[in-house]
């Protein structure tokens, strides 16, 4: 498998941790994780695509994993800022256009970029992993409840068991894959307890009374090759939402996955292969690395 590099570029004054494979490769693939996850979710598919000649970038979003935490959580933990960080990350790595694979929150960021009048030319293809233009209220409340109030555990084995239970909807994992994923998903507190590896303030901008997510207008504007991954037991991406998405984007490829919910994890080989096949079938042309980051 392709060797992984771990880099820490400073974007908008914040140090962002990026897992990178095949930095001298051709077409670039960006993998962007879900709300409370991090780039460890893409270590296997990153290595495989790197070996196939792609350059692969998988950042930890601001406040997650090994990336710096926000100084102004309400302003910085927002989709507008994530989009800005994504574009400046592309500039830093001299990416004119990329394949974007986004799980949950990462998919929403990709959707917004692909629909944007300003940035749509930067997205060459888009994979939405178990996310649509809206999120049912019950699913949103479930996610908010555990993300806003992270639990703490005295022993590693306790948080290990908790996270394996929490992440069962991700689909099948080997014992080794669980070990890799969970080891990168926990951190120690000052008192020695374990908790999840993200800033508890990542939902600082969330207001329970705010208007529910509605990105149907943006989704309709997406004009790049599009693939949807649907965990059939997902409470975030329902069958009704998928039906409406297919009607709105009839050329969209849709893959359904039994035995998992939100969201199919790319540690599982058949899930990875679907993504790899889609990327290979939709090459970016011409390949350009013209954009540079001035600072």
C-alpha atoms as a PDB file:
ATOM      1  CA  UNK A   1       0.000   0.000   0.000  1.00  0.00           C
ATOM      2  CA  UNK A   2       1.043   3.605  -0.568  1.00  0.00           C
ATOM      3  CA  UNK A   3       2.920   5.183   2.351  1.00  0.00           C
ATOM      4  CA  UNK A   4       1.023   7.793   4.350  1.00  0.00           C
ATOM      5  CA  UNK A   5       2.438  11.184   5.259  1.00  0.00           C
ATOM      6  CA  UNK A   6       1.025  13.333   8.064  1.00  0.00           C
ATOM      7  CA  UNK A   7       1.297  17.050   7.387  1.00  0.00           C
ATOM      8  CA  UNK A   8       0.238  20.166   9.278  1.00  0.00           C
ATOM      9  CA  UNK A   9      -0.314  23.131   6.938  1.00  0.00           C
ATOM     10  CA  UNK A  10      -1.527  26.376   8.495  1.00  0.00           C
ATOM     11  CA  UNK A  11      -4.797  27.470   6.878  1.00  0.00           C
ATOM     12  CA  UNK A  12      -6.477  30.721   7.974  1.00  0.00           C
ATOM     13  CA  UNK A  13      -4.146  30.853  10.950  1.00  0.00           C
ATOM     14  CA  UNK A  14      -5.133  27.358  12.131  1.00  0.00           C
ATOM     15  CA  UNK A  15      -2.937  24.266  11.920  1.00  0.00           C
ATOM     16  CA  UNK A  16      -4.799  21.528  10.037  1.00  0.00           C
ATOM     17  CA  UNK A  17      -3.727  17.889  10.189  1.00  0.00           C
ATOM     18  CA  UNK A  18      -3.796  16.222   6.767  1.00  0.00           C
ATOM     19  CA  UNK A  19      -3.142  12.575   5.975  1.00  0.00           C
ATOM     20  CA  UNK A  20      -1.556  12.435   2.514  1.00  0.00           C
ATOM     21  CA  UNK A  21      -0.781   9.626   0.116  1.00  0.00           C
ATOM     22  CA  UNK A  22       1.286   9.807  -3.082  1.00  0.00           C
ATOM     23  CA  UNK A  23       1.971  13.582  -2.921  1.00  0.00           C
ATOM     24  CA  UNK A  24       3.478  13.575  -6.419  1.00  0.00           C
ATOM     25  CA  UNK A  25       0.476  11.768  -7.919  1.00  0.00           C
ATOM     26  CA  UNK A  26      -1.816  12.921 -10.703  1.00  0.00           C
ATOM     27  CA  UNK A  27      -5.497  13.553 -10.044  1.00  0.00           C
ATOM     28  CA  UNK A  28      -6.275  14.556  -6.464  1.00  0.00           C
ATOM     29  CA  UNK A  29      -8.929  12.967  -4.278  1.00  0.00           C
ATOM     30  CA  UNK A  30     -10.060  14.739  -1.111  1.00  0.00           C
ATOM     31  CA  UNK A  31     -11.785  12.688   1.585  1.00  0.00           C
ATOM     32  CA  UNK A  32     -13.708  14.703   4.174  1.00  0.00           C
ATOM     33  CA  UNK A  33     -15.107  13.011   7.274  1.00  0.00           C
ATOM     34  CA  UNK A  34     -18.316  13.414   9.271  1.00  0.00           C
ATOM     35  CA  UNK A  35     -19.213  15.788  12.083  1.00  0.00           C
ATOM     36  CA  UNK A  36     -17.406  14.159  15.019  1.00  0.00           C
ATOM     37  CA  UNK A  37     -15.059  11.871  13.101  1.00  0.00           C
ATOM     38  CA  UNK A  38     -11.569  12.385  11.665  1.00  0.00           C
ATOM     39  CA  UNK A  39      -9.386  11.339   8.752  1.00  0.00           C
ATOM     40  CA  UNK A  40      -8.510   7.920  10.206  1.00  0.00           C
ATOM     41  CA  UNK A  41     -11.685   6.699   8.456  1.00  0.00           C
ATOM     42  CA  UNK A  42      -9.886   6.887   5.103  1.00  0.00           C
ATOM     43  CA  UNK A  43      -6.529   5.231   5.778  1.00  0.00           C
ATOM     44  CA  UNK A  44      -7.259   2.103   3.777  1.00  0.00           C
ATOM     45  CA  UNK A  45      -8.888   3.684   0.727  1.00  0.00           C
ATOM     46  CA  UNK A  46      -6.272   6.461   0.779  1.00  0.00           C
ATOM     47  CA  UNK A  47      -3.480   3.913   0.579  1.00  0.00           C
ATOM     48  CA  UNK A  48      -5.212   2.003  -2.211  1.00  0.00           C
ATOM     49  CA  UNK A  49      -5.873   5.068  -4.371  1.00  0.00           C
ATOM     50  CA  UNK A  50      -2.353   6.338  -3.732  1.00  0.00           C
ATOM     51  CA  UNK A  51      -0.997   3.070  -5.050  1.00  0.00           C
ATOM     52  CA  UNK A  52      -3.151   3.527  -8.167  1.00  0.00           C
ATOM     53  CA  UNK A  53      -1.492   6.866  -8.921  1.00  0.00           C
ATOM     54  CA  UNK A  54      -3.879   9.321  -7.306  1.00  0.00           C
ATOM     55  CA  UNK A  55      -2.790  11.983  -4.858  1.00  0.00           C
ATOM     56  CA  UNK A  56      -5.005  11.637  -1.786  1.00  0.00           C
ATOM     57  CA  UNK A  57      -5.662  14.256   0.890  1.00  0.00           C
ATOM     58  CA  UNK A  58      -7.697  13.518   4.026  1.00  0.00           C
ATOM     59  CA  UNK A  59      -7.817  16.424   6.489  1.00  0.00           C
ATOM     60  CA  UNK A  60      -9.038  16.474  10.057  1.00  0.00           C
ATOM     61  CA  UNK A  61     -11.612  19.260  10.132  1.00  0.00           C
ATOM     62  CA  UNK A  62     -10.796  22.160  12.437  1.00  0.00           C
ATOM     63  CA  UNK A  63     -11.433  21.013  16.020  1.00  0.00           C
ATOM     64  CA  UNK A  64     -11.257  17.305  15.227  1.00  0.00           C
ATOM     65  CA  UNK A  65      -8.489  14.754  15.533  1.00  0.00           C
ATOM     66  CA  UNK A  66      -5.041  16.334  15.403  1.00  0.00           C
ATOM     67  CA  UNK A  67      -6.142  19.660  13.911  1.00  0.00           C
ATOM     68  CA  UNK A  68      -6.058  22.843  15.982  1.00  0.00           C
ATOM     69  CA  UNK A  69      -9.193  23.887  17.855  1.00  0.00           C
ATOM     70  CA  UNK A  70     -11.080  27.094  17.074  1.00  0.00           C
ATOM     71  CA  UNK A  71     -10.537  30.278  19.055  1.00  0.00           C
ATOM     72  CA  UNK A  72     -14.012  31.539  18.098  1.00  0.00           C
ATOM     73  CA  UNK A  73     -16.095  28.323  18.001  1.00  0.00           C
ATOM     74  CA  UNK A  74     -19.378  29.916  16.942  1.00  0.00           C
ATOM     75  CA  UNK A  75     -17.823  31.578  13.885  1.00  0.00           C
ATOM     76  CA  UNK A  76     -15.215  28.975  12.944  1.00  0.00           C
ATOM     77  CA  UNK A  77     -17.298  25.808  13.358  1.00  0.00           C
ATOM     78  CA  UNK A  78     -19.566  26.745  10.470  1.00  0.00           C
ATOM     79  CA  UNK A  79     -20.104  25.487   6.932  1.00  0.00           C
ATOM     80  CA  UNK A  80     -19.019  28.838   5.494  1.00  0.00           C
ATOM     81  CA  UNK A  81     -15.671  28.507   7.268  1.00  0.00           C
ATOM     82  CA  UNK A  82     -15.292  24.826   6.377  1.00  0.00           C
ATOM     83  CA  UNK A  83     -15.815  25.700   2.693  1.00  0.00           C
ATOM     84  CA  UNK A  84     -13.208  28.448   2.941  1.00  0.00           C
ATOM     85  CA  UNK A  85     -10.778  26.089   4.659  1.00  0.00           C
ATOM     86  CA  UNK A  86     -11.368  23.467   1.956  1.00  0.00           C
ATOM     87  CA  UNK A  87     -10.664  25.869  -0.893  1.00  0.00           C
ATOM     88  CA  UNK A  88      -7.542  27.239   0.783  1.00  0.00           C
ATOM     89  CA  UNK A  89      -6.389  23.690   1.480  1.00  0.00           C
ATOM     90  CA  UNK A  90      -6.779  22.948  -2.250  1.00  0.00           C
ATOM     91  CA  UNK A  91      -4.759  26.081  -2.999  1.00  0.00           C
ATOM     92  CA  UNK A  92      -2.056  25.055  -0.533  1.00  0.00           C
ATOM     93  CA  UNK A  93      -1.704  21.701  -2.289  1.00  0.00           C
ATOM     94  CA  UNK A  94      -1.979  23.327  -5.748  1.00  0.00           C
ATOM     95  CA  UNK A  95      -5.196  21.517  -6.655  1.00  0.00           C
ATOM     96  CA  UNK A  96      -7.114  23.128  -9.486  1.00  0.00           C
ATOM     97  CA  UNK A  97      -9.854  20.484  -9.415  1.00  0.00           C
ATOM     98  CA  UNK A  98     -10.457  17.447  -7.206  1.00  0.00           C
ATOM     99  CA  UNK A  99     -12.585  14.370  -6.727  1.00  0.00           C
ATOM    100  CA  UNK A 100     -14.493  14.992  -3.482  1.00  0.00           C
ATOM    101  CA  UNK A 101     -15.625  12.117  -1.272  1.00  0.00           C
ATOM    102  CA  UNK A 102     -17.567  13.324   1.756  1.00  0.00           C
ATOM    103  CA  UNK A 103     -19.126  11.363   4.591  1.00  0.00           C
ATOM    104  CA  UNK A 104     -22.121  13.072   6.219  1.00  0.00           C
ATOM    105  CA  UNK A 105     -20.881  16.603   7.083  1.00  0.00           C
ATOM    106  CA  UNK A 106     -18.073  16.158   4.576  1.00  0.00           C
ATOM    107  CA  UNK A 107     -20.658  15.392   1.913  1.00  0.00           C
ATOM    108  CA  UNK A 108     -22.590  18.568   2.723  1.00  0.00           C
ATOM    109  CA  UNK A 109     -19.399  20.618   2.376  1.00  0.00           C
ATOM    110  CA  UNK A 110     -18.744  19.004  -1.009  1.00  0.00           C
ATOM    111  CA  UNK A 111     -22.341  19.592  -2.108  1.00  0.00           C
ATOM    112  CA  UNK A 112     -22.128  23.278  -1.179  1.00  0.00           C
ATOM    113  CA  UNK A 113     -18.833  23.673  -3.036  1.00  0.00           C
ATOM    114  CA  UNK A 114     -20.126  21.896  -6.146  1.00  0.00           C
ATOM    115  CA  UNK A 115     -23.257  24.075  -6.156  1.00  0.00           C
ATOM    116  CA  UNK A 116     -21.415  27.332  -5.518  1.00  0.00           C
ATOM    117  CA  UNK A 117     -21.116  29.858  -8.339  1.00  0.00           C
ATOM    118  CA  UNK A 118     -17.642  30.705  -7.064  1.00  0.00           C
ATOM    119  CA  UNK A 119     -16.184  27.249  -6.409  1.00  0.00           C
ATOM    120  CA  UNK A 120     -18.066  24.729  -8.560  1.00  0.00           C
ATOM    121  CA  UNK A 121     -15.174  24.525 -11.029  1.00  0.00           C
ATOM    122  CA  UNK A 122     -12.967  23.103  -8.252  1.00  0.00           C
ATOM    123  CA  UNK A 123     -15.018  19.904  -7.877  1.00  0.00           C
ATOM    124  CA  UNK A 124     -14.568  17.315 -10.631  1.00  0.00           C
ATOM    125  CA  UNK A 125     -16.744  14.564  -9.158  1.00  0.00           C
ATOM    126  CA  UNK A 126     -18.696  14.173  -5.936  1.00  0.00           C
ATOM    127  CA  UNK A 127     -19.411  11.188  -3.697  1.00  0.00           C
ATOM    128  CA  UNK A 128     -22.036  11.765  -0.988  1.00  0.00           C
ATOM    129  CA  UNK A 129     -21.699   9.139   1.720  1.00  0.00           C
ATOM    130  CA  UNK A 130     -25.101   8.748   3.404  1.00  0.00           C
ATOM    131  CA  UNK A 131     -26.119  12.378   3.320  1.00  0.00           C
ATOM    132  CA  UNK A 132     -28.760  14.310   1.430  1.00  0.00           C
ATOM    133  CA  UNK A 133     -29.973  17.896   1.177  1.00  0.00           C
ATOM    134  CA  UNK A 134     -31.970  17.567   4.395  1.00  0.00           C
ATOM    135  CA  UNK A 135     -31.575  15.727   7.706  1.00  0.00           C
ATOM    136  CA  UNK A 136     -34.625  14.414   9.601  1.00  0.00           C
ATOM    137  CA  UNK A 137     -35.136  16.182  12.919  1.00  0.00           C
ATOM    138  CA  UNK A 138     -34.970  13.006  15.028  1.00  0.00           C
ATOM    139  CA  UNK A 139     -31.643  12.003  13.476  1.00  0.00           C
ATOM    140  CA  UNK A 140     -30.270  15.505  13.966  1.00  0.00           C
ATOM    141  CA  UNK A 141     -31.290  15.504  17.634  1.00  0.00           C
ATOM    142  CA  UNK A 142     -29.668  12.083  18.152  1.00  0.00           C
ATOM    143  CA  UNK A 143     -26.373  13.342  16.735  1.00  0.00           C
ATOM    144  CA  UNK A 144     -26.482  16.638  18.608  1.00  0.00           C
ATOM    145  CA  UNK A 145     -27.151  14.879  21.926  1.00  0.00           C
ATOM    146  CA  UNK A 146     -24.048  12.700  21.867  1.00  0.00           C
ATOM    147  CA  UNK A 147     -21.755  15.242  20.195  1.00  0.00           C
ATOM    148  CA  UNK A 148     -22.589  18.146  22.523  1.00  0.00           C
ATOM    149  CA  UNK A 149     -22.233  16.048  25.681  1.00  0.00           C
ATOM    150  CA  UNK A 150     -19.234  13.740  25.172  1.00  0.00           C
ATOM    151  CA  UNK A 151     -18.926  11.047  27.800  1.00  0.00           C
ATOM    152  CA  UNK A 152     -15.762  10.364  29.778  1.00  0.00           C
ATOM    153  CA  UNK A 153     -14.346   7.004  30.837  1.00  0.00           C
ATOM    154  CA  UNK A 154     -11.702   6.007  33.354  1.00  0.00           C
ATOM    155  CA  UNK A 155     -10.355   3.114  31.268  1.00  0.00           C
ATOM    156  CA  UNK A 156      -9.538   2.708  27.591  1.00  0.00           C
ATOM    157  CA  UNK A 157     -11.453  -0.570  27.381  1.00  0.00           C
ATOM    158  CA  UNK A 158     -14.604   1.252  28.504  1.00  0.00           C
ATOM    159  CA  UNK A 159     -14.472   3.939  25.812  1.00  0.00           C
ATOM    160  CA  UNK A 160     -13.421   1.289  23.311  1.00  0.00           C
ATOM    161  CA  UNK A 161     -16.616  -0.667  23.997  1.00  0.00           C
ATOM    162  CA  UNK A 162     -18.727   2.508  23.972  1.00  0.00           C
ATOM    163  CA  UNK A 163     -17.416   3.607  20.572  1.00  0.00           C
ATOM    164  CA  UNK A 164     -17.766   0.156  19.030  1.00  0.00           C
ATOM    165  CA  UNK A 165     -21.419   0.224  20.076  1.00  0.00           C
ATOM    166  CA  UNK A 166     -21.924   3.825  18.907  1.00  0.00           C
ATOM    167  CA  UNK A 167     -20.344   3.089  15.520  1.00  0.00           C
ATOM    168  CA  UNK A 168     -22.064  -0.218  14.791  1.00  0.00           C
ATOM    169  CA  UNK A 169     -24.162   1.488  12.049  1.00  0.00           C
ATOM    170  CA  UNK A 170     -20.900   2.133  10.137  1.00  0.00           C
ATOM    171  CA  UNK A 171     -20.946  -1.496   8.993  1.00  0.00           C
ATOM    172  CA  UNK A 172     -18.503  -4.410   9.267  1.00  0.00           C
ATOM    173  CA  UNK A 173     -15.012  -3.975  10.731  1.00  0.00           C
ATOM    174  CA  UNK A 174     -12.267  -6.459  11.505  1.00  0.00           C
ATOM    175  CA  UNK A 175     -10.766  -6.381  15.004  1.00  0.00           C
ATOM    176  CA  UNK A 176      -7.711  -4.623  13.574  1.00  0.00           C
ATOM    177  CA  UNK A 177      -9.842  -1.981  11.856  1.00  0.00           C
ATOM    178  CA  UNK A 178     -11.714  -1.279  15.085  1.00  0.00           C
ATOM    179  CA  UNK A 179      -8.386  -0.922  16.881  1.00  0.00           C
ATOM    180  CA  UNK A 180      -7.016   1.527  14.308  1.00  0.00           C
ATOM    181  CA  UNK A 181     -10.184   3.619  14.144  1.00  0.00           C
ATOM    182  CA  UNK A 182     -10.825   3.861  17.880  1.00  0.00           C
ATOM    183  CA  UNK A 183      -7.205   4.531  18.831  1.00  0.00           C
ATOM    184  CA  UNK A 184      -7.402   7.709  16.704  1.00  0.00           C
ATOM    185  CA  UNK A 185     -10.840   8.638  18.066  1.00  0.00           C
ATOM    186  CA  UNK A 186     -10.033   9.100  21.768  1.00  0.00           C
ATOM    187  CA  UNK A 187      -7.917  11.474  23.850  1.00  0.00           C
ATOM    188  CA  UNK A 188      -7.005  11.814  27.520  1.00  0.00           C
ATOM    189  CA  UNK A 189      -8.253  14.653  29.682  1.00  0.00           C
ATOM    190  CA  UNK A 190      -6.127  16.422  32.303  1.00  0.00           C
ATOM    191  CA  UNK A 191      -7.433  14.071  34.996  1.00  0.00           C
ATOM    192  CA  UNK A 192      -6.435  11.004  32.977  1.00  0.00           C
ATOM    193  CA  UNK A 193      -9.931  10.042  31.832  1.00  0.00           C
ATOM    194  CA  UNK A 194     -10.621   9.219  28.197  1.00  0.00           C
ATOM    195  CA  UNK A 195     -13.056  11.070  25.962  1.00  0.00           C
ATOM    196  CA  UNK A 196     -13.739  11.509  22.250  1.00  0.00           C
ATOM    197  CA  UNK A 197     -11.134  13.233  20.058  1.00  0.00           C
ATOM    198  CA  UNK A 198     -12.839  16.488  19.151  1.00  0.00           C
ATOM    199  CA  UNK A 199     -13.535  19.907  20.615  1.00  0.00           C
ATOM    200  CA  UNK A 200     -16.812  19.705  22.609  1.00  0.00           C
ATOM    201  CA  UNK A 201     -17.643  23.118  21.107  1.00  0.00           C
ATOM    202  CA  UNK A 202     -17.882  21.933  17.473  1.00  0.00           C
ATOM    203  CA  UNK A 203     -21.647  22.530  17.581  1.00  0.00           C
ATOM    204  CA  UNK A 204     -21.315  26.033  19.085  1.00  0.00           C
ATOM    205  CA  UNK A 205     -23.112  27.565  16.095  1.00  0.00           C
ATOM    206  CA  UNK A 206     -26.019  25.110  16.299  1.00  0.00           C
ATOM    207  CA  UNK A 207     -29.322  26.611  17.422  1.00  0.00           C
ATOM    208  CA  UNK A 208     -32.166  24.139  18.149  1.00  0.00           C
ATOM    209  CA  UNK A 209     -34.699  26.737  17.031  1.00  0.00           C
ATOM    210  CA  UNK A 210     -32.938  27.457  13.735  1.00  0.00           C
ATOM    211  CA  UNK A 211     -34.379  26.480  10.358  1.00  0.00           C
ATOM    212  CA  UNK A 212     -33.730  22.803   9.511  1.00  0.00           C
ATOM    213  CA  UNK A 213     -31.092  21.989   6.881  1.00  0.00           C
ATOM    214  CA  UNK A 214     -32.599  22.464   3.429  1.00  0.00           C
ATOM    215  CA  UNK A 215     -30.108  22.297   0.573  1.00  0.00           C
ATOM    216  CA  UNK A 216     -32.429  21.059  -2.192  1.00  0.00           C
ATOM    217  CA  UNK A 217     -31.829  24.205  -4.225  1.00  0.00           C
ATOM    218  CA  UNK A 218     -28.068  23.689  -3.993  1.00  0.00           C
ATOM    219  CA  UNK A 219     -28.327  19.977  -4.735  1.00  0.00           C
ATOM    220  CA  UNK A 220     -30.253  20.713  -7.934  1.00  0.00           C
ATOM    221  CA  UNK A 221     -27.368  22.921  -9.106  1.00  0.00           C
ATOM    222  CA  UNK A 222     -24.731  20.159  -8.871  1.00  0.00           C
ATOM    223  CA  UNK A 223     -23.559  19.350 -12.390  1.00  0.00           C
ATOM    224  CA  UNK A 224     -20.587  17.050 -11.828  1.00  0.00           C
ATOM    225  CA  UNK A 225     -20.595  13.230 -11.866  1.00  0.00           C
ATOM    226  CA  UNK A 226     -22.412  12.272  -8.685  1.00  0.00           C
ATOM    227  CA  UNK A 227     -22.578   9.127  -6.573  1.00  0.00           C
ATOM    228  CA  UNK A 228     -24.698   8.486  -3.472  1.00  0.00           C
ATOM    229  CA  UNK A 229     -23.913   5.855  -0.841  1.00  0.00           C
ATOM    230  CA  UNK A 230     -26.958   4.823   1.208  1.00  0.00           C
ATOM    231  CA  UNK A 231     -26.828   2.729   4.364  1.00  0.00           C
ATOM    232  CA  UNK A 232     -30.244   1.129   4.210  1.00  0.00           C
ATOM    233  CA  UNK A 233     -30.762   1.408   7.978  1.00  0.00           C
ATOM    234  CA  UNK A 234     -29.724   5.070   8.083  1.00  0.00           C
ATOM    235  CA  UNK A 235     -31.862   7.525  10.031  1.00  0.00           C
ATOM    236  CA  UNK A 236     -30.005  10.449   8.418  1.00  0.00           C
ATOM    237  CA  UNK A 237     -30.587   9.509   4.785  1.00  0.00           C
ATOM    238  CA  UNK A 238     -34.080   8.064   4.496  1.00  0.00           C
ATOM    239  CA  UNK A 239     -35.546   6.228   1.525  1.00  0.00           C
ATOM    240  CA  UNK A 240     -37.865   9.168   0.812  1.00  0.00           C
ATOM    241  CA  UNK A 241     -34.903  11.552   0.643  1.00  0.00           C
ATOM    242  CA  UNK A 242     -33.059   9.171  -1.679  1.00  0.00           C
ATOM    243  CA  UNK A 243     -36.125   8.933  -3.922  1.00  0.00           C
ATOM    244  CA  UNK A 244     -36.355  12.719  -4.214  1.00  0.00           C
ATOM    245  CA  UNK A 245     -32.601  12.963  -4.883  1.00  0.00           C
ATOM    246  CA  UNK A 246     -32.860  10.434  -7.706  1.00  0.00           C
ATOM    247  CA  UNK A 247     -35.753  12.339  -9.257  1.00  0.00           C
ATOM    248  CA  UNK A 248     -33.799  15.585  -9.072  1.00  0.00           C
ATOM    249  CA  UNK A 249     -30.507  14.088 -10.321  1.00  0.00           C
ATOM    250  CA  UNK A 250     -31.495  11.134 -12.551  1.00  0.00           C
ATOM    251  CA  UNK A 251     -27.899  10.506 -13.666  1.00  0.00           C
ATOM    252  CA  UNK A 252     -26.694  10.068 -10.083  1.00  0.00           C
ATOM    253  CA  UNK A 253     -25.213   6.658  -9.308  1.00  0.00           C
ATOM    254  CA  UNK A 254     -26.742   5.153  -6.158  1.00  0.00           C
ATOM    255  CA  UNK A 255     -25.280   2.291  -4.137  1.00  0.00           C
ATOM    256  CA  UNK A 256     -27.313   0.660  -1.367  1.00  0.00           C
ATOM    257  CA  UNK A 257     -25.730  -1.140   1.571  1.00  0.00           C
ATOM    258  CA  UNK A 258     -27.405  -3.755   3.725  1.00  0.00           C
ATOM    259  CA  UNK A 259     -26.245  -4.230   7.283  1.00  0.00           C
ATOM    260  CA  UNK A 260     -25.309  -0.632   7.977  1.00  0.00           C
ATOM    261  CA  UNK A 261     -26.874   2.715   8.710  1.00  0.00           C
ATOM    262  CA  UNK A 262     -25.236   6.103   9.046  1.00  0.00           C
ATOM    263  CA  UNK A 263     -22.731   5.978   7.562  1.00  0.00           C
ATOM    264  CA  UNK A 264     -21.084   3.219   5.482  1.00  0.00           C
ATOM    265  CA  UNK A 265     -17.464   3.184   6.618  1.00  0.00           C
ATOM    266  CA  UNK A 266     -14.740   3.006   3.984  1.00  0.00           C
ATOM    267  CA  UNK A 267     -12.796   0.483   6.020  1.00  0.00           C
ATOM    268  CA  UNK A 268     -15.050  -2.155   4.433  1.00  0.00           C
ATOM    269  CA  UNK A 269     -13.613  -3.456   1.168  1.00  0.00           C
ATOM    270  CA  UNK A 270     -16.742  -3.571  -0.989  1.00  0.00           C
ATOM    271  CA  UNK A 271     -17.691  -0.023   0.057  1.00  0.00           C
ATOM    272  CA  UNK A 272     -14.190   1.183  -0.862  1.00  0.00           C
ATOM    273  CA  UNK A 273     -14.325  -0.528  -4.225  1.00  0.00           C
ATOM    274  CA  UNK A 274     -17.531   1.260  -5.184  1.00  0.00           C
ATOM    275  CA  UNK A 275     -15.881   4.618  -4.500  1.00  0.00           C
ATOM    276  CA  UNK A 276     -12.679   3.679  -6.312  1.00  0.00           C
ATOM    277  CA  UNK A 277     -14.600   2.431  -9.353  1.00  0.00           C
ATOM    278  CA  UNK A 278     -16.618   5.657  -9.513  1.00  0.00           C
ATOM    279  CA  UNK A 279     -13.501   7.844  -9.331  1.00  0.00           C
ATOM    280  CA  UNK A 280     -11.726   5.800 -11.990  1.00  0.00           C
ATOM    281  CA  UNK A 281     -14.784   6.010 -14.275  1.00  0.00           C
ATOM    282  CA  UNK A 282     -14.901   9.827 -14.028  1.00  0.00           C
ATOM    283  CA  UNK A 283     -11.410  11.174 -14.717  1.00  0.00           C
ATOM    284  CA  UNK A 284     -10.684  14.856 -14.254  1.00  0.00           C
ATOM    285  CA  UNK A 285      -9.393  16.407 -17.467  1.00  0.00           C
ATOM    286  CA  UNK A 286      -7.287  18.320 -17.979  1.00  0.00           C
ATOM    287  CA  UNK A 287      -5.248  17.834 -14.818  1.00  0.00           C
ATOM    288  CA  UNK A 288      -3.992  21.177 -13.561  1.00  0.00           C
ATOM    289  CA  UNK A 289      -2.074  22.251 -10.489  1.00  0.00           C
ATOM    290  CA  UNK A 290      -2.035  25.910 -11.440  1.00  0.00           C
ATOM    291  CA  UNK A 291      -3.371  27.372  -8.232  1.00  0.00           C
ATOM    292  CA  UNK A 292      -0.837  28.293  -5.575  1.00  0.00           C
ATOM    293  CA  UNK A 293      -1.148  29.436  -2.019  1.00  0.00           C
ATOM    294  CA  UNK A 294       0.641  32.748  -1.518  1.00  0.00           C
ATOM    295  CA  UNK A 295       0.924  32.372   2.218  1.00  0.00           C
END
